[in-house]
């Protein structure tokens, strides 16, 4: 048998073996667990987008409230940020069930908040006043949103004290402002406060996103 033919067979065998090793490489723990996290966050995004779609489709029967619209933007932005920063768990080597359940808390809070932000999906022709809906559900919505802050702080600590300290004073000050502002929004029905804080929260989140979360690290 020609030597060249033997060379081609050996080369094909090596390529096939390498392909099989790459194909059957086991999934990393982070990749496996991130699937459920992604699903919950995606459900929250889907609820926000479907709620906006229903608002646009039935705009003749819906009374839009601009503060409610800004909180739609705020919540969607937070869902995106939560998905973005979850990547920082990729270096976690040892996962256990309790850590995984804890990591599920943040996306679950945001998903539940997305359910409260919109009325139950129903007939398009049904008349809805979003201002009435907003103030009828503001307490539960803002309590859920406020709980995200202490969970996020604990989340950062679990990644290691060096990581937590590396976030800097900007992170600590912003979280204090988030928690105080959201807790106040849960307590008060004062329209002027809600109008101010909706805009303030959006501006703060945009600034923090550029200062802390701009790079996927």
N, C-alpha and C. Protein backbone atom coordinates (compact mmCIF):
# COMPACT_ATOMS: atom_id res chain seq x y z
N UNK A 1 0.85 -1.20 0.00
CA UNK A 1 0.00 0.00 0.00
C UNK A 1 0.89 1.25 0.00
N UNK A 2 0.64 2.22 -0.85
CA UNK A 2 1.49 3.41 -0.95
C UNK A 2 1.59 4.15 0.39
N UNK A 3 2.77 4.72 0.64
CA UNK A 3 3.00 5.47 1.89
C UNK A 3 2.08 6.68 1.98
N UNK A 4 1.81 7.30 0.83
CA UNK A 4 0.93 8.47 0.83
C UNK A 4 -0.47 8.11 1.30
N UNK A 5 -0.92 6.91 0.91
CA UNK A 5 -2.26 6.47 1.32
C UNK A 5 -2.31 6.27 2.83
N UNK A 6 -1.21 5.67 3.40
CA UNK A 6 -1.14 5.50 4.85
C UNK A 6 -1.17 6.87 5.55
N UNK A 7 -0.48 7.84 4.99
CA UNK A 7 -0.44 9.18 5.57
C UNK A 7 -1.84 9.81 5.59
N UNK A 8 -2.57 9.63 4.50
CA UNK A 8 -3.92 10.20 4.43
C UNK A 8 -4.83 9.54 5.44
N UNK A 9 -4.70 8.20 5.61
CA UNK A 9 -5.54 7.50 6.59
C UNK A 9 -5.23 7.96 8.01
N UNK A 10 -3.93 8.09 8.32
CA UNK A 10 -3.54 8.55 9.66
C UNK A 10 -4.05 9.97 9.92
N UNK A 11 -3.94 10.81 8.91
CA UNK A 11 -4.40 12.20 9.05
C UNK A 11 -5.90 12.24 9.28
N UNK A 12 -6.65 11.44 8.55
CA UNK A 12 -8.11 11.41 8.71
C UNK A 12 -8.49 10.89 10.08
N UNK A 13 -7.74 9.91 10.58
CA UNK A 13 -8.02 9.35 11.91
C UNK A 13 -7.79 10.40 12.99
N UNK A 14 -6.68 11.14 12.86
CA UNK A 14 -6.36 12.18 13.85
C UNK A 14 -7.42 13.27 13.85
N UNK A 15 -7.85 13.71 12.66
CA UNK A 15 -8.87 14.75 12.57
C UNK A 15 -10.19 14.29 13.16
N UNK A 16 -10.54 13.03 12.88
CA UNK A 16 -11.79 12.47 13.41
C UNK A 16 -11.75 12.38 14.92
N UNK A 17 -10.60 11.96 15.47
CA UNK A 17 -10.46 11.83 16.92
C UNK A 17 -10.58 13.19 17.60
N UNK A 18 -9.91 14.20 16.99
CA UNK A 18 -10.00 15.56 17.57
C UNK A 18 -11.42 16.09 17.52
N UNK A 19 -12.12 15.81 16.42
CA UNK A 19 -13.50 16.25 16.28
C UNK A 19 -14.39 15.60 17.32
N UNK A 20 -14.19 14.32 17.59
CA UNK A 20 -14.99 13.61 18.58
C UNK A 20 -14.73 14.16 19.99
N UNK A 21 -13.43 14.48 20.26
CA UNK A 21 -13.11 15.04 21.58
C UNK A 21 -13.79 16.39 21.78
N UNK A 22 -13.83 17.21 20.72
CA UNK A 22 -14.49 18.50 20.81
C UNK A 22 -16.01 18.35 20.91
N UNK A 23 -16.54 17.38 20.18
CA UNK A 23 -17.99 17.17 20.15
C UNK A 23 -18.51 16.69 21.48
N UNK A 24 -17.78 15.80 22.14
CA UNK A 24 -18.28 15.17 23.37
C UNK A 24 -17.68 15.78 24.63
N UNK A 25 -17.14 17.00 24.50
CA UNK A 25 -16.63 17.70 25.67
C UNK A 25 -17.79 18.04 26.60
N UNK A 26 -17.71 17.65 27.89
CA UNK A 26 -18.83 17.88 28.80
C UNK A 26 -19.11 19.36 29.01
N UNK A 27 -20.38 19.69 29.23
CA UNK A 27 -20.79 21.08 29.46
C UNK A 27 -20.31 21.54 30.83
N UNK A 28 -19.76 22.74 30.88
CA UNK A 28 -19.30 23.30 32.15
C UNK A 28 -20.50 23.62 33.04
N UNK A 29 -20.26 23.65 34.36
CA UNK A 29 -21.36 23.89 35.31
C UNK A 29 -22.01 25.24 35.06
N UNK A 30 -21.20 26.27 34.81
CA UNK A 30 -21.75 27.60 34.56
C UNK A 30 -22.65 27.60 33.33
N UNK A 31 -22.21 26.94 32.27
CA UNK A 31 -23.01 26.88 31.04
C UNK A 31 -24.34 26.17 31.29
N UNK A 32 -24.29 25.10 32.07
CA UNK A 32 -25.50 24.34 32.36
C UNK A 32 -26.49 25.14 33.21
N UNK A 33 -25.99 25.75 34.28
CA UNK A 33 -26.86 26.47 35.21
C UNK A 33 -27.37 27.79 34.63
N UNK A 34 -26.59 28.39 33.74
CA UNK A 34 -26.99 29.67 33.16
C UNK A 34 -28.23 29.55 32.26
N UNK A 35 -28.55 28.34 31.85
CA UNK A 35 -29.72 28.14 30.99
C UNK A 35 -30.99 28.57 31.71
N UNK A 36 -31.17 28.10 32.95
CA UNK A 36 -32.39 28.45 33.69
C UNK A 36 -32.43 29.94 34.03
N UNK A 37 -31.27 30.51 34.40
CA UNK A 37 -31.20 31.95 34.67
C UNK A 37 -31.65 32.73 33.44
N UNK A 38 -31.14 32.32 32.29
CA UNK A 38 -31.47 33.01 31.04
C UNK A 38 -32.95 32.89 30.71
N UNK A 39 -33.53 31.75 30.99
CA UNK A 39 -34.96 31.54 30.71
C UNK A 39 -35.82 32.49 31.55
N UNK A 40 -35.50 32.60 32.85
CA UNK A 40 -36.29 33.47 33.73
C UNK A 40 -36.17 34.93 33.30
N UNK A 41 -34.94 35.37 33.00
CA UNK A 41 -34.76 36.75 32.54
C UNK A 41 -35.46 36.98 31.21
N UNK A 42 -35.39 35.99 30.33
CA UNK A 42 -36.05 36.12 29.03
C UNK A 42 -37.56 36.19 29.19
N UNK A 43 -38.11 35.46 30.16
CA UNK A 43 -39.55 35.54 30.41
C UNK A 43 -39.94 36.94 30.88
N UNK A 44 -39.09 37.55 31.72
CA UNK A 44 -39.36 38.92 32.15
C UNK A 44 -39.32 39.89 30.99
N UNK A 45 -38.32 39.74 30.11
CA UNK A 45 -38.23 40.60 28.93
C UNK A 45 -39.43 40.39 28.02
N UNK A 46 -39.83 39.13 27.87
CA UNK A 46 -40.99 38.82 27.02
C UNK A 46 -42.25 39.47 27.56
N UNK A 47 -42.41 39.45 28.90
CA UNK A 47 -43.60 40.06 29.50
C UNK A 47 -43.61 41.56 29.27
N UNK A 48 -42.45 42.19 29.40
CA UNK A 48 -42.36 43.64 29.18
C UNK A 48 -42.68 43.97 27.72
N UNK A 49 -42.08 43.25 26.80
CA UNK A 49 -42.29 43.52 25.38
C UNK A 49 -43.72 43.24 24.95
N UNK A 50 -44.30 42.15 25.48
CA UNK A 50 -45.69 41.84 25.12
C UNK A 50 -46.64 42.88 25.71
N UNK A 51 -46.30 43.40 26.92
CA UNK A 51 -47.12 44.45 27.52
C UNK A 51 -47.07 45.72 26.71
N UNK A 52 -45.88 46.07 26.22
CA UNK A 52 -45.74 47.25 25.37
C UNK A 52 -46.49 47.04 24.06
N UNK A 53 -46.38 45.84 23.50
CA UNK A 53 -47.10 45.55 22.26
C UNK A 53 -48.59 45.68 22.42
N UNK A 54 -49.11 45.23 23.55
CA UNK A 54 -50.55 45.34 23.80
C UNK A 54 -50.96 46.80 23.98
N UNK A 55 -50.08 47.59 24.63
CA UNK A 55 -50.35 49.01 24.77
C UNK A 55 -50.47 49.70 23.41
N UNK A 56 -49.58 49.36 22.51
CA UNK A 56 -49.59 49.96 21.18
C UNK A 56 -50.77 49.47 20.35
N UNK A 57 -51.07 48.19 20.48
CA UNK A 57 -52.15 47.62 19.69
C UNK A 57 -53.50 48.18 20.11
N UNK A 58 -53.66 48.41 21.42
CA UNK A 58 -54.95 48.87 21.93
C UNK A 58 -54.87 50.31 22.43
N UNK A 59 -54.03 51.12 21.80
CA UNK A 59 -53.79 52.48 22.28
C UNK A 59 -55.06 53.33 22.32
N UNK A 60 -56.04 53.00 21.50
CA UNK A 60 -57.29 53.77 21.50
C UNK A 60 -58.11 53.52 22.75
N UNK A 61 -57.85 52.37 23.40
CA UNK A 61 -58.63 51.99 24.59
C UNK A 61 -57.81 52.10 25.87
N UNK A 62 -56.56 52.53 25.76
CA UNK A 62 -55.68 52.58 26.93
C UNK A 62 -55.27 54.02 27.23
N UNK A 63 -55.32 54.38 28.50
CA UNK A 63 -54.86 55.70 28.92
C UNK A 63 -53.43 55.55 29.42
N UNK A 64 -52.48 56.02 28.62
CA UNK A 64 -51.08 55.88 28.93
C UNK A 64 -50.67 56.87 30.02
N UNK A 65 -49.81 56.41 30.93
CA UNK A 65 -49.27 57.24 32.00
C UNK A 65 -47.76 57.29 31.82
N UNK A 66 -47.20 58.47 31.63
CA UNK A 66 -45.80 58.58 31.26
C UNK A 66 -44.85 58.05 32.32
N UNK A 67 -45.22 58.14 33.58
CA UNK A 67 -44.38 57.57 34.64
C UNK A 67 -44.31 56.05 34.50
N UNK A 68 -45.44 55.45 34.19
CA UNK A 68 -45.49 54.01 33.96
C UNK A 68 -44.61 53.62 32.78
N UNK A 69 -44.60 54.43 31.74
CA UNK A 69 -43.78 54.16 30.55
C UNK A 69 -42.30 54.18 30.91
N UNK A 70 -41.90 55.13 31.74
CA UNK A 70 -40.49 55.22 32.14
C UNK A 70 -40.09 54.00 32.97
N UNK A 71 -41.01 53.51 33.81
CA UNK A 71 -40.68 52.32 34.58
C UNK A 71 -40.63 51.07 33.71
N UNK A 72 -41.33 51.08 32.61
CA UNK A 72 -41.17 49.99 31.64
C UNK A 72 -39.74 49.98 31.11
N UNK A 73 -39.25 51.16 30.76
CA UNK A 73 -37.87 51.29 30.27
C UNK A 73 -36.88 50.90 31.37
N UNK A 74 -37.13 51.39 32.60
CA UNK A 74 -36.24 51.07 33.73
C UNK A 74 -36.14 49.57 33.97
N UNK A 75 -37.28 48.91 33.98
CA UNK A 75 -37.30 47.48 34.26
C UNK A 75 -36.62 46.69 33.15
N UNK A 76 -36.90 47.04 31.91
CA UNK A 76 -36.28 46.32 30.80
C UNK A 76 -34.76 46.50 30.83
N UNK A 77 -34.31 47.71 31.14
CA UNK A 77 -32.89 47.98 31.24
C UNK A 77 -32.25 47.15 32.35
N UNK A 78 -32.95 47.03 33.46
CA UNK A 78 -32.44 46.23 34.58
C UNK A 78 -32.38 44.75 34.23
N UNK A 79 -33.35 44.27 33.49
CA UNK A 79 -33.33 42.87 33.03
C UNK A 79 -32.11 42.61 32.16
N UNK A 80 -31.80 43.55 31.28
CA UNK A 80 -30.63 43.42 30.41
C UNK A 80 -29.35 43.43 31.25
N UNK A 81 -29.28 44.35 32.22
CA UNK A 81 -28.10 44.44 33.08
C UNK A 81 -27.91 43.16 33.88
N UNK A 82 -29.00 42.61 34.41
CA UNK A 82 -28.93 41.37 35.20
C UNK A 82 -28.37 40.24 34.35
N UNK A 83 -28.80 40.17 33.10
CA UNK A 83 -28.28 39.15 32.19
C UNK A 83 -26.80 39.39 31.91
N UNK A 84 -26.44 40.65 31.73
CA UNK A 84 -25.06 41.03 31.41
C UNK A 84 -24.09 40.67 32.54
N UNK A 85 -24.46 41.02 33.78
CA UNK A 85 -23.53 40.82 34.89
C UNK A 85 -23.52 39.38 35.40
N UNK A 86 -24.49 38.57 35.01
CA UNK A 86 -24.46 37.16 35.44
C UNK A 86 -23.21 36.46 34.90
N UNK A 87 -22.66 36.98 33.81
CA UNK A 87 -21.45 36.40 33.23
C UNK A 87 -20.28 36.42 34.21
N UNK A 88 -20.34 37.28 35.21
CA UNK A 88 -19.26 37.38 36.18
C UNK A 88 -19.18 36.16 37.10
N UNK A 89 -20.18 35.28 37.01
CA UNK A 89 -20.13 34.03 37.77
C UNK A 89 -19.36 32.94 37.02
N UNK A 90 -18.86 33.23 35.84
CA UNK A 90 -18.28 32.18 34.99
C UNK A 90 -17.05 31.51 35.61
N UNK A 91 -16.34 32.23 36.50
CA UNK A 91 -15.13 31.68 37.11
C UNK A 91 -15.39 30.91 38.39
N UNK A 92 -16.67 30.82 38.78
CA UNK A 92 -17.02 30.05 39.97
C UNK A 92 -16.77 28.57 39.69
N UNK A 93 -15.87 27.97 40.46
CA UNK A 93 -15.48 26.58 40.21
C UNK A 93 -16.39 25.59 40.91
N UNK A 94 -16.74 25.90 42.15
CA UNK A 94 -17.53 24.96 42.95
C UNK A 94 -18.95 25.48 43.13
N UNK A 95 -19.89 24.85 42.43
CA UNK A 95 -21.30 25.20 42.55
C UNK A 95 -22.00 24.18 43.43
N UNK A 96 -22.91 24.66 44.28
CA UNK A 96 -23.78 23.75 45.02
C UNK A 96 -25.22 24.23 44.86
N UNK A 97 -26.15 23.41 45.30
CA UNK A 97 -27.56 23.70 45.07
C UNK A 97 -27.99 25.00 45.74
N UNK A 98 -27.48 25.28 46.93
CA UNK A 98 -27.89 26.47 47.67
C UNK A 98 -27.39 27.75 47.00
N UNK A 99 -26.18 27.71 46.48
CA UNK A 99 -25.66 28.86 45.75
C UNK A 99 -26.49 29.10 44.49
N UNK A 100 -26.84 28.04 43.81
CA UNK A 100 -27.64 28.17 42.59
C UNK A 100 -29.01 28.76 42.90
N UNK A 101 -29.65 28.30 43.98
CA UNK A 101 -30.96 28.84 44.36
C UNK A 101 -30.84 30.32 44.69
N UNK A 102 -29.75 30.70 45.37
CA UNK A 102 -29.55 32.12 45.68
C UNK A 102 -29.41 32.95 44.41
N UNK A 103 -28.64 32.46 43.46
CA UNK A 103 -28.43 33.20 42.21
C UNK A 103 -29.74 33.34 41.44
N UNK A 104 -30.68 32.43 41.66
CA UNK A 104 -31.99 32.51 41.00
C UNK A 104 -32.86 33.64 41.54
N UNK A 105 -32.55 34.12 42.74
CA UNK A 105 -33.43 35.10 43.39
C UNK A 105 -33.55 36.38 42.57
N UNK A 106 -32.43 36.93 42.13
CA UNK A 106 -32.44 38.22 41.41
C UNK A 106 -33.30 38.17 40.15
N UNK A 107 -33.08 37.21 39.25
CA UNK A 107 -33.93 37.18 38.06
C UNK A 107 -35.39 36.92 38.38
N UNK A 108 -35.64 36.15 39.45
CA UNK A 108 -37.03 35.88 39.84
C UNK A 108 -37.72 37.16 40.31
N UNK A 109 -37.02 37.98 41.08
CA UNK A 109 -37.58 39.26 41.54
C UNK A 109 -37.95 40.15 40.35
N UNK A 110 -37.06 40.22 39.38
CA UNK A 110 -37.32 41.06 38.20
C UNK A 110 -38.46 40.50 37.37
N UNK A 111 -38.55 39.19 37.28
CA UNK A 111 -39.67 38.60 36.53
C UNK A 111 -41.00 38.92 37.20
N UNK A 112 -41.07 38.77 38.53
CA UNK A 112 -42.31 39.07 39.25
C UNK A 112 -42.66 40.55 39.11
N UNK A 113 -41.65 41.42 39.13
CA UNK A 113 -41.89 42.86 38.94
C UNK A 113 -42.48 43.12 37.56
N UNK A 114 -42.01 42.39 36.55
CA UNK A 114 -42.55 42.57 35.20
C UNK A 114 -44.02 42.15 35.12
N UNK A 115 -44.40 41.17 35.93
CA UNK A 115 -45.80 40.74 35.95
C UNK A 115 -46.69 41.79 36.59
N UNK A 116 -46.16 42.52 37.58
CA UNK A 116 -46.94 43.54 38.28
C UNK A 116 -47.06 44.83 37.49
N UNK A 117 -46.11 45.06 36.60
CA UNK A 117 -46.08 46.33 35.88
C UNK A 117 -47.21 46.47 34.86
N UNK A 118 -47.75 45.34 34.44
CA UNK A 118 -48.82 45.36 33.43
C UNK A 118 -50.05 44.62 33.95
N UNK A 119 -51.23 45.03 33.49
CA UNK A 119 -52.44 44.28 33.82
C UNK A 119 -52.37 42.89 33.20
N UNK A 120 -53.20 42.01 33.69
CA UNK A 120 -53.24 40.66 33.12
C UNK A 120 -53.59 40.73 31.65
N UNK A 121 -52.89 39.96 30.86
CA UNK A 121 -53.14 39.96 29.42
C UNK A 121 -54.57 39.49 29.15
N UNK A 122 -55.28 40.26 28.34
CA UNK A 122 -56.67 39.92 28.07
C UNK A 122 -57.11 40.45 26.73
N UNK A 123 -58.34 40.85 26.67
CA UNK A 123 -58.88 41.35 25.42
C UNK A 123 -58.27 42.70 25.08
N UNK A 124 -57.96 42.87 23.83
CA UNK A 124 -57.32 44.10 23.36
C UNK A 124 -58.25 45.29 23.52
N UNK A 125 -59.54 45.07 23.39
CA UNK A 125 -60.51 46.16 23.43
C UNK A 125 -60.86 46.60 24.85
N UNK A 126 -60.31 45.91 25.84
CA UNK A 126 -60.63 46.26 27.23
C UNK A 126 -59.99 47.60 27.60
N UNK A 127 -60.78 48.51 28.18
CA UNK A 127 -60.27 49.82 28.57
C UNK A 127 -59.43 49.71 29.84
N UNK A 128 -58.25 50.31 29.80
CA UNK A 128 -57.33 50.26 30.95
C UNK A 128 -56.72 51.63 31.17
N UNK A 129 -56.73 52.06 32.42
CA UNK A 129 -56.05 53.29 32.81
C UNK A 129 -54.74 52.88 33.50
N UNK A 130 -53.61 53.10 32.83
CA UNK A 130 -52.33 52.65 33.36
C UNK A 130 -51.90 53.43 34.60
N UNK A 131 -52.41 54.62 34.77
CA UNK A 131 -52.10 55.37 35.99
C UNK A 131 -52.76 54.71 37.19
N UNK A 132 -54.02 54.31 37.03
CA UNK A 132 -54.73 53.60 38.09
C UNK A 132 -54.04 52.29 38.41
N UNK A 133 -53.65 51.56 37.38
CA UNK A 133 -52.97 50.28 37.58
C UNK A 133 -51.62 50.48 38.28
N UNK A 134 -50.91 51.51 37.90
CA UNK A 134 -49.60 51.77 38.47
C UNK A 134 -49.68 52.00 39.98
N UNK A 135 -50.59 52.87 40.39
CA UNK A 135 -50.68 53.17 41.82
C UNK A 135 -51.37 52.05 42.61
N UNK A 136 -52.15 51.24 41.94
CA UNK A 136 -52.77 50.10 42.62
C UNK A 136 -51.74 49.01 42.93
N UNK A 137 -50.64 48.98 42.17
CA UNK A 137 -49.63 47.92 42.32
C UNK A 137 -48.25 48.46 42.71
N UNK A 138 -48.15 49.76 42.98
CA UNK A 138 -46.82 50.33 43.20
C UNK A 138 -46.11 49.76 44.41
N UNK A 139 -46.85 49.43 45.47
CA UNK A 139 -46.19 48.95 46.69
C UNK A 139 -45.49 47.62 46.45
N UNK A 140 -46.21 46.66 45.90
CA UNK A 140 -45.61 45.35 45.64
C UNK A 140 -44.49 45.45 44.61
N UNK A 141 -44.70 46.26 43.57
CA UNK A 141 -43.70 46.41 42.52
C UNK A 141 -42.39 46.96 43.08
N UNK A 142 -42.47 48.02 43.87
CA UNK A 142 -41.25 48.65 44.37
C UNK A 142 -40.60 47.86 45.50
N UNK A 143 -41.38 47.11 46.25
CA UNK A 143 -40.78 46.22 47.27
C UNK A 143 -39.92 45.16 46.58
N UNK A 144 -40.47 44.56 45.52
CA UNK A 144 -39.69 43.57 44.77
C UNK A 144 -38.43 44.19 44.18
N UNK A 145 -38.58 45.37 43.63
CA UNK A 145 -37.44 46.05 43.03
C UNK A 145 -36.40 46.41 44.10
N UNK A 146 -36.86 46.86 45.26
CA UNK A 146 -35.94 47.24 46.34
C UNK A 146 -35.17 46.04 46.86
N UNK A 147 -35.81 44.87 46.89
CA UNK A 147 -35.15 43.66 47.37
C UNK A 147 -33.98 43.25 46.48
N UNK A 148 -34.00 43.71 45.24
CA UNK A 148 -32.91 43.37 44.32
C UNK A 148 -31.58 43.91 44.84
N UNK A 149 -31.60 45.06 45.53
CA UNK A 149 -30.36 45.70 45.98
C UNK A 149 -29.61 44.89 47.02
N UNK A 150 -30.23 44.49 48.16
CA UNK A 150 -29.47 43.67 49.12
C UNK A 150 -29.07 42.32 48.54
N UNK A 151 -29.90 41.76 47.66
CA UNK A 151 -29.53 40.49 47.02
C UNK A 151 -28.31 40.69 46.14
N UNK A 152 -28.26 41.81 45.44
CA UNK A 152 -27.12 42.09 44.57
C UNK A 152 -25.84 42.30 45.38
N UNK A 153 -25.94 42.95 46.53
CA UNK A 153 -24.78 43.14 47.40
C UNK A 153 -24.25 41.79 47.89
N UNK A 154 -25.18 40.93 48.34
CA UNK A 154 -24.77 39.59 48.77
C UNK A 154 -24.16 38.81 47.61
N UNK A 155 -24.73 38.98 46.43
CA UNK A 155 -24.23 38.33 45.22
C UNK A 155 -22.78 38.75 44.96
N UNK A 156 -22.51 40.04 45.08
CA UNK A 156 -21.16 40.54 44.85
C UNK A 156 -20.17 40.03 45.90
N UNK A 157 -20.63 39.92 47.14
CA UNK A 157 -19.77 39.40 48.21
C UNK A 157 -19.43 37.93 47.98
N UNK A 158 -20.38 37.17 47.48
CA UNK A 158 -20.15 35.75 47.23
C UNK A 158 -19.13 35.53 46.12
N UNK A 159 -18.92 36.53 45.28
CA UNK A 159 -17.90 36.41 44.24
C UNK A 159 -16.50 36.63 44.81
N UNK A 160 -16.43 37.01 46.08
CA UNK A 160 -15.14 37.23 46.73
C UNK A 160 -14.99 38.66 47.20
N UNK A 161 -14.35 38.83 48.36
CA UNK A 161 -14.14 40.17 48.91
C UNK A 161 -13.33 41.06 47.97
N UNK A 162 -12.26 40.54 47.32
CA UNK A 162 -11.52 41.40 46.38
C UNK A 162 -12.41 41.94 45.25
N UNK A 163 -13.30 41.07 44.74
CA UNK A 163 -14.23 41.52 43.69
C UNK A 163 -15.17 42.58 44.23
N UNK A 164 -15.67 42.38 45.45
CA UNK A 164 -16.61 43.31 46.07
C UNK A 164 -15.97 44.68 46.27
N UNK A 165 -14.75 44.70 46.79
CA UNK A 165 -14.06 45.97 47.04
C UNK A 165 -13.65 46.65 45.74
N UNK A 166 -13.38 45.84 44.71
CA UNK A 166 -12.96 46.41 43.42
C UNK A 166 -14.08 47.19 42.75
N UNK A 167 -15.34 46.96 43.16
CA UNK A 167 -16.46 47.69 42.57
C UNK A 167 -16.43 49.17 42.94
N UNK A 168 -15.77 49.48 44.07
CA UNK A 168 -15.53 50.87 44.41
C UNK A 168 -16.70 51.58 45.07
N UNK A 169 -16.46 52.82 45.44
CA UNK A 169 -17.45 53.62 46.16
C UNK A 169 -18.68 53.92 45.30
N UNK A 170 -18.49 53.99 44.00
CA UNK A 170 -19.63 54.25 43.10
C UNK A 170 -20.70 53.19 43.27
N UNK A 171 -20.29 51.95 43.38
CA UNK A 171 -21.23 50.83 43.55
C UNK A 171 -21.98 50.95 44.88
N UNK A 172 -21.25 51.24 45.95
CA UNK A 172 -21.88 51.32 47.27
C UNK A 172 -22.86 52.49 47.37
N UNK A 173 -22.45 53.64 46.85
CA UNK A 173 -23.32 54.82 46.90
C UNK A 173 -24.57 54.60 46.05
N UNK A 174 -24.39 54.04 44.86
CA UNK A 174 -25.54 53.82 43.97
C UNK A 174 -26.53 52.84 44.57
N UNK A 175 -26.03 51.80 45.23
CA UNK A 175 -26.94 50.83 45.85
C UNK A 175 -27.70 51.45 47.02
N UNK A 176 -27.03 52.33 47.77
CA UNK A 176 -27.71 53.03 48.86
C UNK A 176 -28.83 53.91 48.30
N UNK A 177 -28.54 54.60 47.20
CA UNK A 177 -29.55 55.46 46.57
C UNK A 177 -30.69 54.63 46.00
N UNK A 178 -30.36 53.50 45.37
CA UNK A 178 -31.40 52.62 44.84
C UNK A 178 -32.34 52.16 45.94
N UNK A 179 -31.77 51.64 47.02
CA UNK A 179 -32.59 51.07 48.08
C UNK A 179 -33.46 52.13 48.75
N UNK A 180 -32.88 53.29 49.02
CA UNK A 180 -33.64 54.36 49.66
C UNK A 180 -34.75 54.87 48.75
N UNK A 181 -34.42 55.07 47.49
CA UNK A 181 -35.41 55.60 46.55
C UNK A 181 -36.55 54.62 46.27
N UNK A 182 -36.21 53.35 46.10
CA UNK A 182 -37.23 52.34 45.80
C UNK A 182 -38.12 52.08 47.01
N UNK A 183 -37.52 52.07 48.19
CA UNK A 183 -38.31 51.87 49.42
C UNK A 183 -39.29 53.02 49.62
N UNK A 184 -38.82 54.23 49.38
CA UNK A 184 -39.70 55.40 49.49
C UNK A 184 -40.83 55.32 48.47
N UNK A 185 -40.51 54.89 47.25
CA UNK A 185 -41.53 54.76 46.21
C UNK A 185 -42.58 53.72 46.58
N UNK A 186 -42.16 52.69 47.34
CA UNK A 186 -43.11 51.67 47.79
C UNK A 186 -44.04 52.20 48.87
N UNK A 187 -43.54 53.15 49.65
CA UNK A 187 -44.32 53.67 50.79
C UNK A 187 -45.29 54.77 50.36
N UNK A 188 -44.80 55.70 49.55
CA UNK A 188 -45.61 56.88 49.23
C UNK A 188 -46.37 56.75 47.92
N UNK A 189 -47.51 57.41 47.86
CA UNK A 189 -48.30 57.52 46.62
C UNK A 189 -48.20 58.93 46.04
N UNK A 190 -47.30 59.73 46.58
CA UNK A 190 -47.15 61.10 46.12
C UNK A 190 -46.74 61.13 44.65
N UNK A 191 -47.56 61.71 43.82
CA UNK A 191 -47.32 61.69 42.38
C UNK A 191 -46.07 62.45 41.99
N UNK A 192 -45.82 63.54 42.67
CA UNK A 192 -44.62 64.33 42.34
C UNK A 192 -43.35 63.54 42.61
N UNK A 193 -43.35 62.78 43.70
CA UNK A 193 -42.18 61.95 44.00
C UNK A 193 -42.00 60.88 42.93
N UNK A 194 -43.08 60.23 42.55
CA UNK A 194 -42.99 59.16 41.55
C UNK A 194 -42.56 59.71 40.19
N UNK A 195 -43.00 60.91 39.88
CA UNK A 195 -42.57 61.53 38.62
C UNK A 195 -41.08 61.84 38.64
N UNK A 196 -40.62 62.39 39.77
CA UNK A 196 -39.20 62.71 39.90
C UNK A 196 -38.35 61.44 39.91
N UNK A 197 -38.77 60.46 40.71
CA UNK A 197 -37.90 59.29 40.90
C UNK A 197 -37.82 58.40 39.67
N UNK A 198 -38.87 58.36 38.87
CA UNK A 198 -38.82 57.56 37.64
C UNK A 198 -37.70 58.07 36.73
N UNK A 199 -37.61 59.37 36.57
CA UNK A 199 -36.57 59.98 35.73
C UNK A 199 -35.20 59.84 36.39
N UNK A 200 -35.13 60.05 37.71
CA UNK A 200 -33.87 59.94 38.43
C UNK A 200 -33.32 58.52 38.36
N UNK A 201 -34.17 57.53 38.52
CA UNK A 201 -33.75 56.13 38.47
C UNK A 201 -33.18 55.79 37.09
N UNK A 202 -33.85 56.26 36.05
CA UNK A 202 -33.36 56.01 34.69
C UNK A 202 -31.99 56.63 34.48
N UNK A 203 -31.83 57.89 34.89
CA UNK A 203 -30.54 58.57 34.73
C UNK A 203 -29.45 57.88 35.54
N UNK A 204 -29.78 57.49 36.77
CA UNK A 204 -28.80 56.82 37.62
C UNK A 204 -28.37 55.48 37.02
N UNK A 205 -29.32 54.72 36.51
CA UNK A 205 -29.01 53.41 35.93
C UNK A 205 -28.14 53.53 34.69
N UNK A 206 -28.41 54.52 33.87
CA UNK A 206 -27.59 54.73 32.66
C UNK A 206 -26.16 55.10 33.05
N UNK A 207 -26.01 56.00 34.03
CA UNK A 207 -24.68 56.42 34.47
C UNK A 207 -23.92 55.24 35.07
N UNK A 208 -24.59 54.47 35.96
CA UNK A 208 -23.94 53.33 36.61
C UNK A 208 -23.55 52.27 35.60
N UNK A 209 -24.38 52.08 34.59
CA UNK A 209 -24.08 51.09 33.56
C UNK A 209 -22.77 51.42 32.85
N UNK A 210 -22.55 52.70 32.58
CA UNK A 210 -21.32 53.11 31.90
C UNK A 210 -20.11 53.09 32.84
N UNK A 211 -20.33 53.38 34.12
CA UNK A 211 -19.22 53.44 35.06
C UNK A 211 -18.77 52.07 35.55
N UNK A 212 -19.72 51.14 35.76
CA UNK A 212 -19.39 49.86 36.39
C UNK A 212 -19.54 48.67 35.44
N UNK A 213 -20.62 48.67 34.64
CA UNK A 213 -20.96 47.45 33.90
C UNK A 213 -20.67 47.56 32.40
N UNK A 214 -19.87 48.56 32.00
CA UNK A 214 -19.67 48.78 30.57
C UNK A 214 -18.93 47.64 29.89
N UNK A 215 -17.98 47.02 30.62
CA UNK A 215 -17.15 45.95 30.04
C UNK A 215 -17.62 44.61 30.59
N UNK A 216 -17.71 43.61 29.72
CA UNK A 216 -18.13 42.27 30.11
C UNK A 216 -16.92 41.53 30.69
N UNK A 217 -16.74 41.64 32.02
CA UNK A 217 -15.58 41.02 32.67
C UNK A 217 -16.05 40.17 33.84
